[in-house]
Amino acid sequence: MTTYVIRLPDPATARGSEPSLSFTANGYEAFAEQLQDALRSPALFERWRQAQPEPDEVDPALGRTDPQASVEGRREDLSVYLTATTTLPGEILRQRLRLLAGSNWELRDVR
């Protein structure tokens, strides 16, 4: 298991470029819930894959999930911190975060 600490410095702008794949959350609990779902379920990956020009050519390894992944959120000052614990590699976590939040997130710690 790896624990990733992610900071959303401005939660209002933590949105990906494609609204149908992006965070819709406003509070830290909802951000945590949506990221947890993106790690546990293939739904976000499948929506992204279907939007690709050649969906059948997308590497299926990118769709890996971790049914035991957990994400906790907290608010600190104006930022939201998400602590994700998962067996998924960092590459997959980063891909899901880019879909959900675009470039409006920071990886603060990995343990």
C-alpha atoms as a PDB file:
ATOM      1  CA  MET A   1       0.000   0.000   0.000  1.00  0.00           C
ATOM      2  CA  THR A   2       1.155   3.483  -0.836  1.00  0.00           C
ATOM      3  CA  THR A   3      -0.186   6.686   0.677  1.00  0.00           C
ATOM      4  CA  TYR A   4      -0.308   9.804  -1.466  1.00  0.00           C
ATOM      5  CA  VAL A   5      -1.002  13.254  -0.035  1.00  0.00           C
ATOM      6  CA  ILE A   6      -2.542  15.554  -2.636  1.00  0.00           C
ATOM      7  CA  ARG A   7      -3.214  19.260  -2.232  1.00  0.00           C
ATOM      8  CA  LEU A   8      -5.883  21.143  -4.149  1.00  0.00           C
ATOM      9  CA  PRO A   9      -4.650  24.723  -3.595  1.00  0.00           C
ATOM     10  CA  ASP A  10      -7.800  26.289  -5.050  1.00  0.00           C
ATOM     11  CA  PRO A  11     -10.646  23.759  -4.875  1.00  0.00           C
ATOM     12  CA  ALA A  12     -12.908  25.928  -7.046  1.00  0.00           C
ATOM     13  CA  THR A  13     -10.511  25.521  -9.993  1.00  0.00           C
ATOM     14  CA  ALA A  14      -9.752  21.823  -9.389  1.00  0.00           C
ATOM     15  CA  ARG A  15     -11.536  20.757 -12.540  1.00  0.00           C
ATOM     16  CA  GLY A  16     -10.346  18.782 -15.531  1.00  0.00           C
ATOM     17  CA  SER A  17     -10.634  20.040 -19.096  1.00  0.00           C
ATOM     18  CA  GLU A  18     -13.556  17.696 -19.880  1.00  0.00           C
ATOM     19  CA  PRO A  19     -16.563  18.481 -17.648  1.00  0.00           C
ATOM     20  CA  SER A  20     -18.016  14.965 -17.954  1.00  0.00           C
ATOM     21  CA  LEU A  21     -14.831  13.543 -16.362  1.00  0.00           C
ATOM     22  CA  SER A  22     -14.068  16.354 -13.958  1.00  0.00           C
ATOM     23  CA  PHE A  23     -14.587  16.802 -10.235  1.00  0.00           C
ATOM     24  CA  THR A  24     -18.009  18.226  -9.435  1.00  0.00           C
ATOM     25  CA  ALA A  25     -17.217  18.457  -5.722  1.00  0.00           C
ATOM     26  CA  ASN A  26     -17.228  21.598  -3.627  1.00  0.00           C
ATOM     27  CA  GLY A  27     -16.383  20.320  -0.134  1.00  0.00           C
ATOM     28  CA  TYR A  28     -13.415  18.244   1.017  1.00  0.00           C
ATOM     29  CA  GLU A  29     -15.606  15.225   1.775  1.00  0.00           C
ATOM     30  CA  ALA A  30     -17.042  15.217  -1.751  1.00  0.00           C
ATOM     31  CA  PHE A  31     -13.559  15.570  -3.319  1.00  0.00           C
ATOM     32  CA  ALA A  32     -12.388  12.575  -1.263  1.00  0.00           C
ATOM     33  CA  GLU A  33     -15.445  10.541  -2.241  1.00  0.00           C
ATOM     34  CA  GLN A  34     -15.043  11.270  -5.951  1.00  0.00           C
ATOM     35  CA  LEU A  35     -11.321  10.434  -5.980  1.00  0.00           C
ATOM     36  CA  GLN A  36     -11.968   7.258  -3.986  1.00  0.00           C
ATOM     37  CA  ASP A  37     -14.604   6.211  -6.523  1.00  0.00           C
ATOM     38  CA  ALA A  38     -12.170   6.928  -9.390  1.00  0.00           C
ATOM     39  CA  LEU A  39      -9.620   4.583  -7.784  1.00  0.00           C
ATOM     40  CA  ARG A  40     -12.066   1.825  -6.825  1.00  0.00           C
ATOM     41  CA  SER A  41     -14.305   1.741  -9.884  1.00  0.00           C
ATOM     42  CA  PRO A  42     -13.522   1.579 -13.627  1.00  0.00           C
ATOM     43  CA  ALA A  43     -16.323   4.071 -14.441  1.00  0.00           C
ATOM     44  CA  LEU A  44     -14.148   7.212 -14.860  1.00  0.00           C
ATOM     45  CA  PHE A  45     -11.546   5.334 -16.901  1.00  0.00           C
ATOM     46  CA  GLU A  46     -14.223   3.801 -19.133  1.00  0.00           C
ATOM     47  CA  ARG A  47     -15.831   7.215 -19.817  1.00  0.00           C
ATOM     48  CA  TRP A  48     -12.394   8.598 -20.721  1.00  0.00           C
ATOM     49  CA  ARG A  49     -11.514   5.555 -22.851  1.00  0.00           C
ATOM     50  CA  GLN A  50     -14.763   5.804 -24.833  1.00  0.00           C
ATOM     51  CA  ALA A  51     -13.976   9.456 -25.611  1.00  0.00           C
ATOM     52  CA  GLN A  52     -10.636   8.518 -27.239  1.00  0.00           C
ATOM     53  CA  PRO A  53     -10.361   8.366 -31.059  1.00  0.00           C
ATOM     54  CA  GLU A  54      -9.497   4.638 -30.921  1.00  0.00           C
ATOM     55  CA  PRO A  55     -10.917   3.297 -27.616  1.00  0.00           C
ATOM     56  CA  ASP A  56      -9.876  -0.275 -28.382  1.00  0.00           C
ATOM     57  CA  GLU A  57      -6.234   0.805 -28.673  1.00  0.00           C
ATOM     58  CA  VAL A  58      -6.081   2.253 -25.132  1.00  0.00           C
ATOM     59  CA  ASP A  59      -3.809   0.212 -22.876  1.00  0.00           C
ATOM     60  CA  PRO A  60      -6.181  -1.757 -20.600  1.00  0.00           C
ATOM     61  CA  ALA A  61      -3.587  -1.584 -17.789  1.00  0.00           C
ATOM     62  CA  LEU A  62      -4.512   2.093 -17.383  1.00  0.00           C
ATOM     63  CA  GLY A  63      -7.949   0.923 -16.233  1.00  0.00           C
ATOM     64  CA  ARG A  64      -6.684  -0.949 -13.186  1.00  0.00           C
ATOM     65  CA  THR A  65      -8.655  -0.376 -10.004  1.00  0.00           C
ATOM     66  CA  ASP A  66      -8.159  -0.974  -6.295  1.00  0.00           C
ATOM     67  CA  PRO A  67     -11.453  -1.943  -4.614  1.00  0.00           C
ATOM     68  CA  GLN A  68      -9.819  -1.340  -1.208  1.00  0.00           C
ATOM     69  CA  ALA A  69      -8.522   2.170  -1.985  1.00  0.00           C
ATOM     70  CA  SER A  70      -9.437   4.784   0.589  1.00  0.00           C
ATOM     71  CA  VAL A  71      -9.323   8.568   0.420  1.00  0.00           C
ATOM     72  CA  GLU A  72      -9.711  10.961   3.318  1.00  0.00           C
ATOM     73  CA  GLY A  73     -10.132  14.681   2.871  1.00  0.00           C
ATOM     74  CA  ARG A  74      -9.513  17.676   5.079  1.00  0.00           C
ATOM     75  CA  ARG A  75      -9.610  21.396   4.701  1.00  0.00           C
ATOM     76  CA  GLU A  76      -6.643  23.505   5.730  1.00  0.00           C
ATOM     77  CA  ASP A  77      -6.805  27.255   5.234  1.00  0.00           C
ATOM     78  CA  LEU A  78      -8.308  27.579   1.745  1.00  0.00           C
ATOM     79  CA  SER A  79      -6.870  24.307   0.399  1.00  0.00           C
ATOM     80  CA  VAL A  80      -8.225  20.775   0.343  1.00  0.00           C
ATOM     81  CA  TYR A  81      -5.873  17.916   1.213  1.00  0.00           C
ATOM     82  CA  LEU A  82      -6.659  14.403   0.052  1.00  0.00           C
ATOM     83  CA  THR A  83      -4.852  11.402   1.525  1.00  0.00           C
ATOM     84  CA  ALA A  84      -5.220   8.410  -0.777  1.00  0.00           C
ATOM     85  CA  THR A  85      -4.103   4.937   0.283  1.00  0.00           C
ATOM     86  CA  THR A  86      -3.985   2.437  -2.565  1.00  0.00           C
ATOM     87  CA  THR A  87      -2.090  -0.370  -4.246  1.00  0.00           C
ATOM     88  CA  LEU A  88      -2.345   1.439  -7.599  1.00  0.00           C
ATOM     89  CA  PRO A  89       0.896   2.835  -9.028  1.00  0.00           C
ATOM     90  CA  GLY A  90       1.483   6.582  -9.033  1.00  0.00           C
ATOM     91  CA  GLU A  91       1.097   6.737 -12.831  1.00  0.00           C
ATOM     92  CA  ILE A  92      -2.537   5.637 -12.590  1.00  0.00           C
ATOM     93  CA  LEU A  93      -3.280   7.937  -9.649  1.00  0.00           C
ATOM     94  CA  ARG A  94      -1.833  10.889 -11.577  1.00  0.00           C
ATOM     95  CA  GLN A  95      -3.835  10.033 -14.707  1.00  0.00           C
ATOM     96  CA  ARG A  96      -7.087   9.946 -12.701  1.00  0.00           C
ATOM     97  CA  LEU A  97      -6.218  13.222 -10.969  1.00  0.00           C
ATOM     98  CA  ARG A  98      -5.495  14.903 -14.311  1.00  0.00           C
ATOM     99  CA  LEU A  99      -8.935  13.835 -15.542  1.00  0.00           C
ATOM    100  CA  LEU A 100     -10.627  14.995 -12.340  1.00  0.00           C
ATOM    101  CA  ALA A 101      -8.675  18.176 -11.512  1.00  0.00           C
ATOM    102  CA  GLY A 102      -6.671  19.067 -14.611  1.00  0.00           C
ATOM    103  CA  SER A 103      -3.356  20.554 -13.516  1.00  0.00           C
ATOM    104  CA  ASN A 104      -4.843  22.185 -10.411  1.00  0.00           C
ATOM    105  CA  TRP A 105      -3.401  19.754  -7.848  1.00  0.00           C
ATOM    106  CA  GLU A 106      -0.060  19.055  -6.183  1.00  0.00           C
ATOM    107  CA  LEU A 107       1.449  15.806  -4.987  1.00  0.00           C
ATOM    108  CA  ARG A 108       2.771  16.739  -1.543  1.00  0.00           C
ATOM    109  CA  ASP A 109       3.997  13.429  -0.128  1.00  0.00           C
ATOM    110  CA  VAL A 110       4.298   9.724  -0.948  1.00  0.00           C
ATOM    111  CA  ARG A 111       4.746   7.100   1.776  1.00  0.00           C
END
